[in-house]
Amino acid sequence: MQEDDARNVQEAILASVVRSSLDCVIVTDEAGLVVEFNPAAEETSGYSRAEAVGRQISELIVPPHLRKAHADGLAAYLAGGVPLVARASHRADCHANTLVSLLQRVLANIEALEQ
């Protein structure tokens, strides 16, 4: 039971971080369907969360002429290949690395509190 409570706390913190992030956070499942779409993504894309969740990510943010390449890349990744992520800039990498670092620190702090 205590593990369930700790997991619920971790999930609530993660959800809060995603919702409050100033950067767009879009999460998809293995089929490329959007499962999470934060307010920054709404602001940037013009789609509401309700409009985005359940739709193909490629319909929302991948230009039509790149959708086949996106689908091929996703299929290769799911088959065990190395993911190829188009990077708009080094700045985008820095933001992603910062978010990952922040999440790792939050989870480490939660684990320390549990002990």
PDB file of N, CA and C in Angstrom:
ATOM      1  N   MET A   1       0.817  -1.190   0.000  1.00  0.00           N
ATOM      2  CA  MET A   1       0.000   0.000   0.000  1.00  0.00           C
ATOM      3  C   MET A   1       0.861   1.255   0.000  1.00  0.00           C
ATOM      4  N   GLN A   2       1.949   1.219   0.773  1.00  0.00           N
ATOM      5  CA  GLN A   2       2.840   2.373   0.845  1.00  0.00           C
ATOM      6  C   GLN A   2       3.493   2.634  -0.514  1.00  0.00           C
ATOM      7  N   GLU A   3       3.807   1.555  -1.242  1.00  0.00           N
ATOM      8  CA  GLU A   3       4.385   1.705  -2.582  1.00  0.00           C
ATOM      9  C   GLU A   3       3.395   2.373  -3.520  1.00  0.00           C
ATOM     10  N   ASP A   4       2.114   2.014  -3.417  1.00  0.00           N
ATOM     11  CA  ASP A   4       1.083   2.644  -4.245  1.00  0.00           C
ATOM     12  C   ASP A   4       0.972   4.132  -3.941  1.00  0.00           C
ATOM     13  N   ASP A   5       1.018   4.479  -2.657  1.00  0.00           N
ATOM     14  CA  ASP A   5       0.951   5.889  -2.271  1.00  0.00           C
ATOM     15  C   ASP A   5       2.149   6.652  -2.816  1.00  0.00           C
ATOM     16  N   ALA A   6       3.331   6.056  -2.721  1.00  0.00           N
ATOM     17  CA  ALA A   6       4.546   6.707  -3.221  1.00  0.00           C
ATOM     18  C   ALA A   6       4.473   6.886  -4.733  1.00  0.00           C
ATOM     19  N   ARG A   7       3.975   5.870  -5.425  1.00  0.00           N
ATOM     20  CA  ARG A   7       3.839   5.961  -6.886  1.00  0.00           C
ATOM     21  C   ARG A   7       2.832   7.047  -7.259  1.00  0.00           C
ATOM     22  N   ASN A   8       1.734   7.139  -6.504  1.00  0.00           N
ATOM     23  CA  ASN A   8       0.740   8.182  -6.775  1.00  0.00           C
ATOM     24  C   ASN A   8       1.331   9.573  -6.582  1.00  0.00           C
ATOM     25  N   VAL A   9       2.158   9.727  -5.562  1.00  0.00           N
ATOM     26  CA  VAL A   9       2.821  11.011  -5.327  1.00  0.00           C
ATOM     27  C   VAL A   9       3.769  11.328  -6.480  1.00  0.00           C
ATOM     28  N   GLN A  10       4.545  10.333  -6.906  1.00  0.00           N
ATOM     29  CA  GLN A  10       5.462  10.538  -8.026  1.00  0.00           C
ATOM     30  C   GLN A  10       4.706  10.925  -9.283  1.00  0.00           C
ATOM     31  N   GLU A  11       3.609  10.246  -9.574  1.00  0.00           N
ATOM     32  CA  GLU A  11       2.824  10.546 -10.762  1.00  0.00           C
ATOM     33  C   GLU A  11       2.219  11.942 -10.686  1.00  0.00           C
ATOM     34  N   ALA A  12       1.768  12.346  -9.503  1.00  0.00           N
ATOM     35  CA  ALA A  12       1.194  13.682  -9.339  1.00  0.00           C
ATOM     36  C   ALA A  12       2.255  14.760  -9.545  1.00  0.00           C
ATOM     37  N   ILE A  13       3.441  14.522  -9.043  1.00  0.00           N
ATOM     38  CA  ILE A  13       4.524  15.498  -9.219  1.00  0.00           C
ATOM     39  C   ILE A  13       4.914  15.585 -10.686  1.00  0.00           C
ATOM     40  N   LEU A  14       5.055  14.440 -11.329  1.00  0.00           N
ATOM     41  CA  LEU A  14       5.401  14.441 -12.753  1.00  0.00           C
ATOM     42  C   LEU A  14       4.326  15.170 -13.563  1.00  0.00           C
ATOM     43  N   ALA A  15       3.073  14.900 -13.291  1.00  0.00           N
ATOM     44  CA  ALA A  15       1.977  15.570 -14.003  1.00  0.00           C
ATOM     45  C   ALA A  15       2.037  17.078 -13.773  1.00  0.00           C
ATOM     46  N   SER A  16       2.358  17.483 -12.565  1.00  0.00           N
ATOM     47  CA  SER A  16       2.466  18.909 -12.255  1.00  0.00           C
ATOM     48  C   SER A  16       3.619  19.563 -13.021  1.00  0.00           C
ATOM     49  N   VAL A  17       4.740  18.866 -13.098  1.00  0.00           N
ATOM     50  CA  VAL A  17       5.895  19.392 -13.840  1.00  0.00           C
ATOM     51  C   VAL A  17       5.549  19.545 -15.316  1.00  0.00           C
ATOM     52  N   VAL A  18       4.899  18.541 -15.885  1.00  0.00           N
ATOM     53  CA  VAL A  18       4.525  18.587 -17.297  1.00  0.00           C
ATOM     54  C   VAL A  18       3.553  19.734 -17.540  1.00  0.00           C
ATOM     55  N   ARG A  19       2.524  19.861 -16.691  1.00  0.00           N
ATOM     56  CA  ARG A  19       1.525  20.915 -16.871  1.00  0.00           C
ATOM     57  C   ARG A  19       2.123  22.305 -16.729  1.00  0.00           C
ATOM     58  N   SER A  20       3.069  22.475 -15.821  1.00  0.00           N
ATOM     59  CA  SER A  20       3.607  23.812 -15.555  1.00  0.00           C
ATOM     60  C   SER A  20       4.829  24.162 -16.400  1.00  0.00           C
ATOM     61  N   SER A  21       5.314  23.226 -17.186  1.00  0.00           N
ATOM     62  CA  SER A  21       6.484  23.492 -18.024  1.00  0.00           C
ATOM     63  C   SER A  21       6.192  24.603 -19.021  1.00  0.00           C
ATOM     64  N   LEU A  22       7.156  25.483 -19.190  1.00  0.00           N
ATOM     65  CA  LEU A  22       7.022  26.544 -20.190  1.00  0.00           C
ATOM     66  C   LEU A  22       7.335  26.023 -21.585  1.00  0.00           C
ATOM     67  N   ASP A  23       7.935  24.846 -21.657  1.00  0.00           N
ATOM     68  CA  ASP A  23       8.232  24.202 -22.938  1.00  0.00           C
ATOM     69  C   ASP A  23       7.088  23.279 -23.314  1.00  0.00           C
ATOM     70  N   CYS A  24       6.934  23.057 -24.604  1.00  0.00           N
ATOM     71  CA  CYS A  24       5.926  22.114 -25.083  1.00  0.00           C
ATOM     72  C   CYS A  24       6.311  20.705 -24.659  1.00  0.00           C
ATOM     73  N   VAL A  25       5.354  19.995 -24.113  1.00  0.00           N
ATOM     74  CA  VAL A  25       5.553  18.588 -23.790  1.00  0.00           C
ATOM     75  C   VAL A  25       4.413  17.823 -24.458  1.00  0.00           C
ATOM     76  N   ILE A  26       4.800  16.983 -25.417  1.00  0.00           N
ATOM     77  CA  ILE A  26       3.842  16.140 -26.121  1.00  0.00           C
ATOM     78  C   ILE A  26       4.338  14.712 -25.981  1.00  0.00           C
ATOM     79  N   VAL A  27       3.501  13.849 -25.429  1.00  0.00           N
ATOM     80  CA  VAL A  27       3.863  12.452 -25.213  1.00  0.00           C
ATOM     81  C   VAL A  27       2.984  11.602 -26.110  1.00  0.00           C
ATOM     82  N   THR A  28       3.615  10.624 -26.773  1.00  0.00           N
ATOM     83  CA  THR A  28       2.864   9.702 -27.629  1.00  0.00           C
ATOM     84  C   THR A  28       3.072   8.272 -27.164  1.00  0.00           C
ATOM     85  N   ASP A  29       2.188   7.406 -27.614  1.00  0.00           N
ATOM     86  CA  ASP A  29       2.391   5.985 -27.380  1.00  0.00           C
ATOM     87  C   ASP A  29       3.147   5.394 -28.566  1.00  0.00           C
ATOM     88  N   GLU A  30       3.306   4.074 -28.567  1.00  0.00           N
ATOM     89  CA  GLU A  30       4.078   3.415 -29.624  1.00  0.00           C
ATOM     90  C   GLU A  30       3.446   3.561 -31.007  1.00  0.00           C
ATOM     91  N   ALA A  31       2.160   3.817 -31.045  1.00  0.00           N
ATOM     92  CA  ALA A  31       1.469   3.975 -32.330  1.00  0.00           C
ATOM     93  C   ALA A  31       1.520   5.413 -32.837  1.00  0.00           C
ATOM     94  N   GLY A  32       2.145   6.302 -32.057  1.00  0.00           N
ATOM     95  CA  GLY A  32       2.223   7.701 -32.460  1.00  0.00           C
ATOM     96  C   GLY A  32       0.999   8.510 -32.066  1.00  0.00           C
ATOM     97  N   LEU A  33       0.135   7.931 -31.219  1.00  0.00           N
ATOM     98  CA  LEU A  33      -1.048   8.655 -30.750  1.00  0.00           C
ATOM     99  C   LEU A  33      -0.681   9.515 -29.544  1.00  0.00           C
ATOM    100  N   VAL A  34      -1.140  10.732 -29.543  1.00  0.00           N
ATOM    101  CA  VAL A  34      -0.854  11.656 -28.446  1.00  0.00           C
ATOM    102  C   VAL A  34      -1.596  11.193 -27.195  1.00  0.00           C
ATOM    103  N   VAL A  35      -0.852  11.070 -26.087  1.00  0.00           N
ATOM    104  CA  VAL A  35      -1.450  10.693 -24.814  1.00  0.00           C
ATOM    105  C   VAL A  35      -1.333  11.815 -23.779  1.00  0.00           C
ATOM    106  N   GLU A  36      -0.474  12.789 -24.042  1.00  0.00           N
ATOM    107  CA  GLU A  36      -0.337  13.947 -23.157  1.00  0.00           C
ATOM    108  C   GLU A  36       0.021  15.157 -23.992  1.00  0.00           C
ATOM    109  N   PHE A  37      -0.529  16.297 -23.629  1.00  0.00           N
ATOM    110  CA  PHE A  37      -0.359  17.535 -24.401  1.00  0.00           C
ATOM    111  C   PHE A  37      -0.505  18.674 -23.407  1.00  0.00           C
ATOM    112  N   ASN A  38       0.611  19.312 -23.052  1.00  0.00           N
ATOM    113  CA  ASN A  38       0.564  20.294 -21.972  1.00  0.00           C
ATOM    114  C   ASN A  38       0.110  21.681 -22.460  1.00  0.00           C
ATOM    115  N   PRO A  39      -0.151  22.602 -21.529  1.00  0.00           N
ATOM    116  CA  PRO A  39      -0.622  23.935 -21.916  1.00  0.00           C
ATOM    117  C   PRO A  39       0.326  24.688 -22.858  1.00  0.00           C
ATOM    118  N   ALA A  40       1.636  24.509 -22.696  1.00  0.00           N
ATOM    119  CA  ALA A  40       2.569  25.174 -23.614  1.00  0.00           C
ATOM    120  C   ALA A  40       2.407  24.635 -25.032  1.00  0.00           C
ATOM    121  N   ALA A  41       2.143  23.348 -25.157  1.00  0.00           N
ATOM    122  CA  ALA A  41       1.889  22.763 -26.478  1.00  0.00           C
ATOM    123  C   ALA A  41       0.589  23.311 -27.058  1.00  0.00           C
ATOM    124  N   GLU A  42      -0.405  23.500 -26.203  1.00  0.00           N
ATOM    125  CA  GLU A  42      -1.662  24.100 -26.656  1.00  0.00           C
ATOM    126  C   GLU A  42      -1.420  25.511 -27.181  1.00  0.00           C
ATOM    127  N   GLU A  43      -0.707  26.284 -26.409  1.00  0.00           N
ATOM    128  CA  GLU A  43      -0.421  27.677 -26.774  1.00  0.00           C
ATOM    129  C   GLU A  43       0.355  27.765 -28.083  1.00  0.00           C
ATOM    130  N   THR A  44       1.341  26.912 -28.236  1.00  0.00           N
ATOM    131  CA  THR A  44       2.215  26.949 -29.410  1.00  0.00           C
ATOM    132  C   THR A  44       1.529  26.423 -30.657  1.00  0.00           C
ATOM    133  N   SER A  45       0.786  25.336 -30.497  1.00  0.00           N
ATOM    134  CA  SER A  45       0.211  24.676 -31.672  1.00  0.00           C
ATOM    135  C   SER A  45      -1.158  25.216 -32.078  1.00  0.00           C
ATOM    136  N   GLY A  46      -1.869  25.761 -31.113  1.00  0.00           N
ATOM    137  CA  GLY A  46      -3.230  26.199 -31.396  1.00  0.00           C
ATOM    138  C   GLY A  46      -4.265  25.100 -31.210  1.00  0.00           C
ATOM    139  N   TYR A  47      -3.820  23.874 -30.909  1.00  0.00           N
ATOM    140  CA  TYR A  47      -4.733  22.773 -30.616  1.00  0.00           C
ATOM    141  C   TYR A  47      -4.984  22.727 -29.119  1.00  0.00           C
ATOM    142  N   SER A  48      -6.199  22.436 -28.725  1.00  0.00           N
ATOM    143  CA  SER A  48      -6.469  22.201 -27.313  1.00  0.00           C
ATOM    144  C   SER A  48      -6.013  20.785 -26.965  1.00  0.00           C
ATOM    145  N   ARG A  49      -5.856  20.525 -25.685  1.00  0.00           N
ATOM    146  CA  ARG A  49      -5.485  19.182 -25.241  1.00  0.00           C
ATOM    147  C   ARG A  49      -6.541  18.180 -25.707  1.00  0.00           C
ATOM    148  N   ALA A  50      -7.810  18.563 -25.580  1.00  0.00           N
ATOM    149  CA  ALA A  50      -8.900  17.673 -25.985  1.00  0.00           C
ATOM    150  C   ALA A  50      -8.846  17.357 -27.481  1.00  0.00           C
ATOM    151  N   GLU A  51      -8.427  18.328 -28.287  1.00  0.00           N
ATOM    152  CA  GLU A  51      -8.310  18.104 -29.731  1.00  0.00           C
ATOM    153  C   GLU A  51      -7.110  17.217 -30.065  1.00  0.00           C
ATOM    154  N   ALA A  52      -6.042  17.323 -29.282  1.00  0.00           N
ATOM    155  CA  ALA A  52      -4.793  16.626 -29.601  1.00  0.00           C
ATOM    156  C   ALA A  52      -4.744  15.184 -29.107  1.00  0.00           C
ATOM    157  N   VAL A  53      -5.206  14.944 -27.886  1.00  0.00           N
ATOM    158  CA  VAL A  53      -5.101  13.603 -27.303  1.00  0.00           C
ATOM    159  C   VAL A  53      -5.912  12.619 -28.148  1.00  0.00           C
ATOM    160  N   GLY A  54      -5.254  11.526 -28.495  1.00  0.00           N
ATOM    161  CA  GLY A  54      -5.880  10.489 -29.312  1.00  0.00           C
ATOM    162  C   GLY A  54      -5.609  10.623 -30.798  1.00  0.00           C
ATOM    163  N   ARG A  55      -5.014  11.746 -31.214  1.00  0.00           N
ATOM    164  CA  ARG A  55      -4.695  11.934 -32.631  1.00  0.00           C
ATOM    165  C   ARG A  55      -3.241  11.559 -32.898  1.00  0.00           C
ATOM    166  N   GLN A  56      -2.949  11.291 -34.141  1.00  0.00           N
ATOM    167  CA  GLN A  56      -1.572  11.010 -34.549  1.00  0.00           C
ATOM    168  C   GLN A  56      -0.726  12.274 -34.402  1.00  0.00           C
ATOM    169  N   ILE A  57       0.442  12.130 -33.796  1.00  0.00           N
ATOM    170  CA  ILE A  57       1.346  13.267 -33.650  1.00  0.00           C
ATOM    171  C   ILE A  57       1.712  13.841 -35.011  1.00  0.00           C
ATOM    172  N   SER A  58       1.817  12.971 -36.008  1.00  0.00           N
ATOM    173  CA  SER A  58       2.202  13.436 -37.341  1.00  0.00           C
ATOM    174  C   SER A  58       1.147  14.365 -37.932  1.00  0.00           C
ATOM    175  N   GLU A  59      -0.121  14.177 -37.594  1.00  0.00           N
ATOM    176  CA  GLU A  59      -1.170  15.067 -38.083  1.00  0.00           C
ATOM    177  C   GLU A  59      -1.067  16.455 -37.462  1.00  0.00           C
ATOM    178  N   LEU A  60      -0.502  16.509 -36.261  1.00  0.00           N
ATOM    179  CA  LEU A  60      -0.480  17.763 -35.523  1.00  0.00           C
ATOM    180  C   LEU A  60       0.757  18.608 -35.777  1.00  0.00           C
ATOM    181  N   ILE A  61       1.928  17.968 -35.826  1.00  0.00           N
ATOM    182  CA  ILE A  61       3.151  18.780 -35.875  1.00  0.00           C
ATOM    183  C   ILE A  61       4.128  18.426 -36.981  1.00  0.00           C
ATOM    184  N   VAL A  62       3.879  17.355 -37.716  1.00  0.00           N
ATOM    185  CA  VAL A  62       4.803  16.962 -38.780  1.00  0.00           C
ATOM    186  C   VAL A  62       4.253  17.486 -40.107  1.00  0.00           C
ATOM    187  N   PRO A  63       5.051  18.276 -40.828  1.00  0.00           N
ATOM    188  CA  PRO A  63       4.579  18.782 -42.125  1.00  0.00           C
ATOM    189  C   PRO A  63       4.216  17.619 -43.055  1.00  0.00           C
ATOM    190  N   PRO A  64       3.200  17.803 -43.880  1.00  0.00           N
ATOM    191  CA  PRO A  64       2.741  16.717 -44.751  1.00  0.00           C
ATOM    192  C   PRO A  64       3.852  16.052 -45.567  1.00  0.00           C
ATOM    193  N   HIS A  65       4.791  16.837 -46.069  1.00  0.00           N
ATOM    194  CA  HIS A  65       5.829  16.247 -46.913  1.00  0.00           C
ATOM    195  C   HIS A  65       6.844  15.421 -46.112  1.00  0.00           C
ATOM    196  N   LEU A  66       6.787  15.469 -44.782  1.00  0.00           N
ATOM    197  CA  LEU A  66       7.712  14.694 -43.947  1.00  0.00           C
ATOM    198  C   LEU A  66       7.033  13.542 -43.205  1.00  0.00           C
ATOM    199  N   ARG A  67       5.737  13.372 -43.406  1.00  0.00           N
ATOM    200  CA  ARG A  67       5.004  12.363 -42.640  1.00  0.00           C
ATOM    201  C   ARG A  67       5.436  10.943 -42.951  1.00  0.00           C
ATOM    202  N   LYS A  68       5.754  10.644 -44.198  1.00  0.00           N
ATOM    203  CA  LYS A  68       6.216   9.296 -44.537  1.00  0.00           C
ATOM    204  C   LYS A  68       7.553   9.019 -43.849  1.00  0.00           C
ATOM    205  N   ALA A  69       8.447   9.985 -43.885  1.00  0.00           N
ATOM    206  CA  ALA A  69       9.743   9.812 -43.222  1.00  0.00           C
ATOM    207  C   ALA A  69       9.552   9.628 -41.718  1.00  0.00           C
ATOM    208  N   HIS A  70       8.626  10.370 -41.154  1.00  0.00           N
ATOM    209  CA  HIS A  70       8.335  10.236 -39.724  1.00  0.00           C
ATOM    210  C   HIS A  70       7.816   8.819 -39.425  1.00  0.00           C
ATOM    211  N   ALA A  71       6.864   8.349 -40.224  1.00  0.00           N
ATOM    212  CA  ALA A  71       6.298   7.007 -40.033  1.00  0.00           C
ATOM    213  C   ALA A  71       7.375   5.941 -40.186  1.00  0.00           C
ATOM    214  N   ASP A  72       8.251   6.098 -41.185  1.00  0.00           N
ATOM    215  CA  ASP A  72       9.338   5.141 -41.385  1.00  0.00           C
ATOM    216  C   ASP A  72      10.304   5.150 -40.205  1.00  0.00           C
ATOM    217  N   GLY A  73      10.613   6.335 -39.693  1.00  0.00           N
ATOM    218  CA  GLY A  73      11.509   6.448 -38.545  1.00  0.00           C
ATOM    219  C   GLY A  73      10.920   5.825 -37.293  1.00  0.00           C
ATOM    220  N   LEU A  74       9.630   6.045 -37.072  1.00  0.00           N
ATOM    221  CA  LEU A  74       8.960   5.454 -35.919  1.00  0.00           C
ATOM    222  C   LEU A  74       8.946   3.931 -36.037  1.00  0.00           C
ATOM    223  N   ALA A  75       8.659   3.430 -37.225  1.00  0.00           N
ATOM    224  CA  ALA A  75       8.642   1.977 -37.441  1.00  0.00           C
ATOM    225  C   ALA A  75      10.028   1.376 -37.197  1.00  0.00           C
ATOM    226  N   ALA A  76      11.068   2.049 -37.675  1.00  0.00           N
ATOM    227  CA  ALA A  76      12.435   1.558 -37.469  1.00  0.00           C
ATOM    228  C   ALA A  76      12.791   1.556 -35.984  1.00  0.00           C
ATOM    229  N   TYR A  77      12.388   2.605 -35.286  1.00  0.00           N
ATOM    230  CA  TYR A  77      12.653   2.681 -33.853  1.00  0.00           C
ATOM    231  C   TYR A  77      11.946   1.542 -33.112  1.00  0.00           C
ATOM    232  N   LEU A  78      10.684   1.322 -33.432  1.00  0.00           N
ATOM    233  CA  LEU A  78       9.929   0.267 -32.769  1.00  0.00           C
ATOM    234  C   LEU A  78      10.475  -1.121 -33.087  1.00  0.00           C
ATOM    235  N   ALA A  79      11.141  -1.251 -34.217  1.00  0.00           N
ATOM    236  CA  ALA A  79      11.752  -2.525 -34.600  1.00  0.00           C
ATOM    237  C   ALA A  79      13.106  -2.720 -33.930  1.00  0.00           C
ATOM    238  N   GLY A  80      13.502  -1.771 -33.090  1.00  0.00           N
ATOM    239  CA  GLY A  80      14.748  -1.911 -32.356  1.00  0.00           C
ATOM    240  C   GLY A  80      15.880  -1.055 -32.861  1.00  0.00           C
ATOM    241  N   GLY A  81      15.582  -0.174 -33.776  1.00  0.00           N
ATOM    242  CA  GLY A  81      16.615   0.706 -34.313  1.00  0.00           C
ATOM    243  C   GLY A  81      16.883   1.887 -33.407  1.00  0.00           C
ATOM    244  N   VAL A  82      17.823   2.684 -33.804  1.00  0.00           N
ATOM    245  CA  VAL A  82      18.192   3.881 -33.061  1.00  0.00           C
ATOM    246  C   VAL A  82      17.247   5.005 -33.457  1.00  0.00           C
ATOM    247  N   PRO A  83      16.663   5.710 -32.474  1.00  0.00           N
ATOM    248  CA  PRO A  83      15.753   6.797 -32.830  1.00  0.00           C
ATOM    249  C   PRO A  83      16.501   7.949 -33.490  1.00  0.00           C
ATOM    250  N   LEU A  84      15.892   8.493 -34.503  1.00  0.00           N
ATOM    251  CA  LEU A  84      16.422   9.676 -35.162  1.00  0.00           C
ATOM    252  C   LEU A  84      15.460  10.809 -34.870  1.00  0.00           C
ATOM    253  N   VAL A  85      15.928  11.803 -34.174  1.00  0.00           N
ATOM    254  CA  VAL A  85      15.078  12.916 -33.798  1.00  0.00           C
ATOM    255  C   VAL A  85      15.565  14.156 -34.523  1.00  0.00           C
ATOM    256  N   ALA A  86      14.676  14.768 -35.263  1.00  0.00           N
ATOM    257  CA  ALA A  86      15.035  16.016 -35.945  1.00  0.00           C
ATOM    258  C   ALA A  86      15.182  17.095 -34.886  1.00  0.00           C
ATOM    259  N   ARG A  87      16.293  17.785 -34.911  1.00  0.00           N
ATOM    260  CA  ARG A  87      16.555  18.815 -33.912  1.00  0.00           C
ATOM    261  C   ARG A  87      16.542  20.182 -34.580  1.00  0.00           C
ATOM    262  N   ALA A  88      15.666  21.020 -34.075  1.00  0.00           N
ATOM    263  CA  ALA A  88      15.542  22.366 -34.630  1.00  0.00           C
ATOM    264  C   ALA A  88      16.754  23.208 -34.259  1.00  0.00           C
ATOM    265  N   SER A  89      17.297  22.963 -33.084  1.00  0.00           N
ATOM    266  CA  SER A  89      18.436  23.768 -32.650  1.00  0.00           C
ATOM    267  C   SER A  89      19.082  23.123 -31.438  1.00  0.00           C
ATOM    268  N   HIS A  90      20.274  23.588 -31.124  1.00  0.00           N
ATOM    269  CA  HIS A  90      20.954  23.131 -29.920  1.00  0.00           C
ATOM    270  C   HIS A  90      20.148  23.533 -28.687  1.00  0.00           C
ATOM    271  N   ARG A  91      19.461  24.662 -28.769  1.00  0.00           N
ATOM    272  CA  ARG A  91      18.649  25.154 -27.657  1.00  0.00           C
ATOM    273  C   ARG A  91      17.578  24.133 -27.274  1.00  0.00           C
ATOM    274  N   ALA A  92      16.971  23.512 -28.271  1.00  0.00           N
ATOM    275  CA  ALA A  92      15.954  22.498 -27.989  1.00  0.00           C
ATOM    276  C   ALA A  92      16.562  21.343 -27.208  1.00  0.00           C
ATOM    277  N   ASP A  93      17.768  20.937 -27.571  1.00  0.00           N
ATOM    278  CA  ASP A  93      18.453  19.864 -26.838  1.00  0.00           C
ATOM    279  C   ASP A  93      18.690  20.275 -25.396  1.00  0.00           C
ATOM    280  N   CYS A  94      19.101  21.503 -25.190  1.00  0.00           N
ATOM    281  CA  CYS A  94      19.373  21.986 -23.834  1.00  0.00           C
ATOM    282  C   CYS A  94      18.104  21.956 -22.994  1.00  0.00           C
ATOM    283  N   HIS A  95      16.982  22.389 -23.575  1.00  0.00           N
ATOM    284  CA  HIS A  95      15.719  22.366 -22.840  1.00  0.00           C
ATOM    285  C   HIS A  95      15.331  20.940 -22.477  1.00  0.00           C
ATOM    286  N   ALA A  96      15.473  20.028 -23.407  1.00  0.00           N
ATOM    287  CA  ALA A  96      15.120  18.628 -23.143  1.00  0.00           C
ATOM    288  C   ALA A  96      16.005  18.065 -22.043  1.00  0.00           C
ATOM    289  N   ASN A  97      17.309  18.342 -22.117  1.00  0.00           N
ATOM    290  CA  ASN A  97      18.231  17.845 -21.101  1.00  0.00           C
ATOM    291  C   ASN A  97      17.916  18.440 -19.738  1.00  0.00           C
ATOM    292  N   THR A  98      17.526  19.704 -19.714  1.00  0.00           N
ATOM    293  CA  THR A  98      17.173  20.355 -18.457  1.00  0.00           C
ATOM    294  C   THR A  98      15.942  19.709 -17.851  1.00  0.00           C
ATOM    295  N   LEU A  99      14.931  19.423 -18.658  1.00  0.00           N
ATOM    296  CA  LEU A  99      13.715  18.799 -18.158  1.00  0.00           C
ATOM    297  C   LEU A  99      14.010  17.405 -17.619  1.00  0.00           C
ATOM    298  N   VAL A 100      14.810  16.631 -18.336  1.00  0.00           N
ATOM    299  CA  VAL A 100      15.160  15.294 -17.865  1.00  0.00           C
ATOM    300  C   VAL A 100      15.909  15.384 -16.541  1.00  0.00           C
ATOM    301  N   SER A 101      16.846  16.310 -16.441  1.00  0.00           N
ATOM    302  CA  SER A 101      17.600  16.478 -15.194  1.00  0.00           C
ATOM    303  C   SER A 101      16.675  16.863 -14.045  1.00  0.00           C
ATOM    304  N   LEU A 102      15.746  17.769 -14.321  1.00  0.00           N
ATOM    305  CA  LEU A 102      14.801  18.198 -13.300  1.00  0.00           C
ATOM    306  C   LEU A 102      13.950  17.021 -12.827  1.00  0.00           C
ATOM    307  N   LEU A 103      13.435  16.247 -13.754  1.00  0.00           N
ATOM    308  CA  LEU A 103      12.613  15.092 -13.385  1.00  0.00           C
ATOM    309  C   LEU A 103      13.412  14.074 -12.588  1.00  0.00           C
ATOM    310  N   GLN A 104      14.668  13.854 -12.963  1.00  0.00           N
ATOM    311  CA  GLN A 104      15.505  12.913 -12.223  1.00  0.00           C
ATOM    312  C   GLN A 104      15.719  13.393 -10.786  1.00  0.00           C
ATOM    313  N   ARG A 105      15.937  14.705 -10.621  1.00  0.00           N
ATOM    314  CA  ARG A 105      16.131  15.248  -9.274  1.00  0.00           C
ATOM    315  C   ARG A 105      14.853  15.139  -8.446  1.00  0.00           C
ATOM    316  N   VAL A 106      13.711  15.437  -9.059  1.00  0.00           N
ATOM    317  CA  VAL A 106      12.439  15.334  -8.337  1.00  0.00           C
ATOM    318  C   VAL A 106      12.212  13.899  -7.877  1.00  0.00           C
ATOM    319  N   LEU A 107      12.420  12.941  -8.774  1.00  0.00           N
ATOM    320  CA  LEU A 107      12.209  11.538  -8.415  1.00  0.00           C
ATOM    321  C   LEU A 107      13.198  11.076  -7.341  1.00  0.00           C
ATOM    322  N   ALA A 108      14.439  11.545  -7.418  1.00  0.00           N
ATOM    323  CA  ALA A 108      15.436  11.191  -6.397  1.00  0.00           C
ATOM    324  C   ALA A 108      15.022  11.751  -5.037  1.00  0.00           C
ATOM    325  N   ASN A 109      14.495  12.976  -5.014  1.00  0.00           N
ATOM    326  CA  ASN A 109      14.043  13.570  -3.755  1.00  0.00           C
ATOM    327  C   ASN A 109      12.866  12.791  -3.190  1.00  0.00           C
ATOM    328  N   ILE A 110      11.965  12.351  -4.040  1.00  0.00           N
ATOM    329  CA  ILE A 110      10.814  11.562  -3.560  1.00  0.00           C
ATOM    330  C   ILE A 110      11.297  10.246  -2.973  1.00  0.00           C
ATOM    331  N   GLU A 111      12.225   9.602  -3.644  1.00  0.00           N
ATOM    332  CA  GLU A 111      12.759   8.331  -3.140  1.00  0.00           C
ATOM    333  C   GLU A 111      13.450   8.532  -1.793  1.00  0.00           C
ATOM    334  N   ALA A 112      14.176   9.649  -1.645  1.00  0.00           N
ATOM    335  CA  ALA A 112      14.853   9.925  -0.383  1.00  0.00           C
ATOM    336  C   ALA A 112      13.834  10.141   0.736  1.00  0.00           C
ATOM    337  N   LEU A 113      12.714  10.786   0.438  1.00  0.00           N
ATOM    338  CA  LEU A 113      11.678  11.012   1.441  1.00  0.00           C
ATOM    339  C   LEU A 113      11.014   9.716   1.880  1.00  0.00           C
ATOM    340  N   GLU A 114      10.954   8.760   0.978  1.00  0.00           N
ATOM    341  CA  GLU A 114      10.300   7.485   1.268  1.00  0.00           C
ATOM    342  C   GLU A 114      11.135   6.620   2.230  1.00  0.00           C
ATOM    343  N   GLN A 115      12.421   6.867   2.279  1.00  0.00           N
ATOM    344  CA  GLN A 115      13.297   6.016   3.097  1.00  0.00           C
ATOM    345  C   GLN A 115      13.329   6.434   4.539  1.00  0.00           C
TER     346      GLN A 115
END
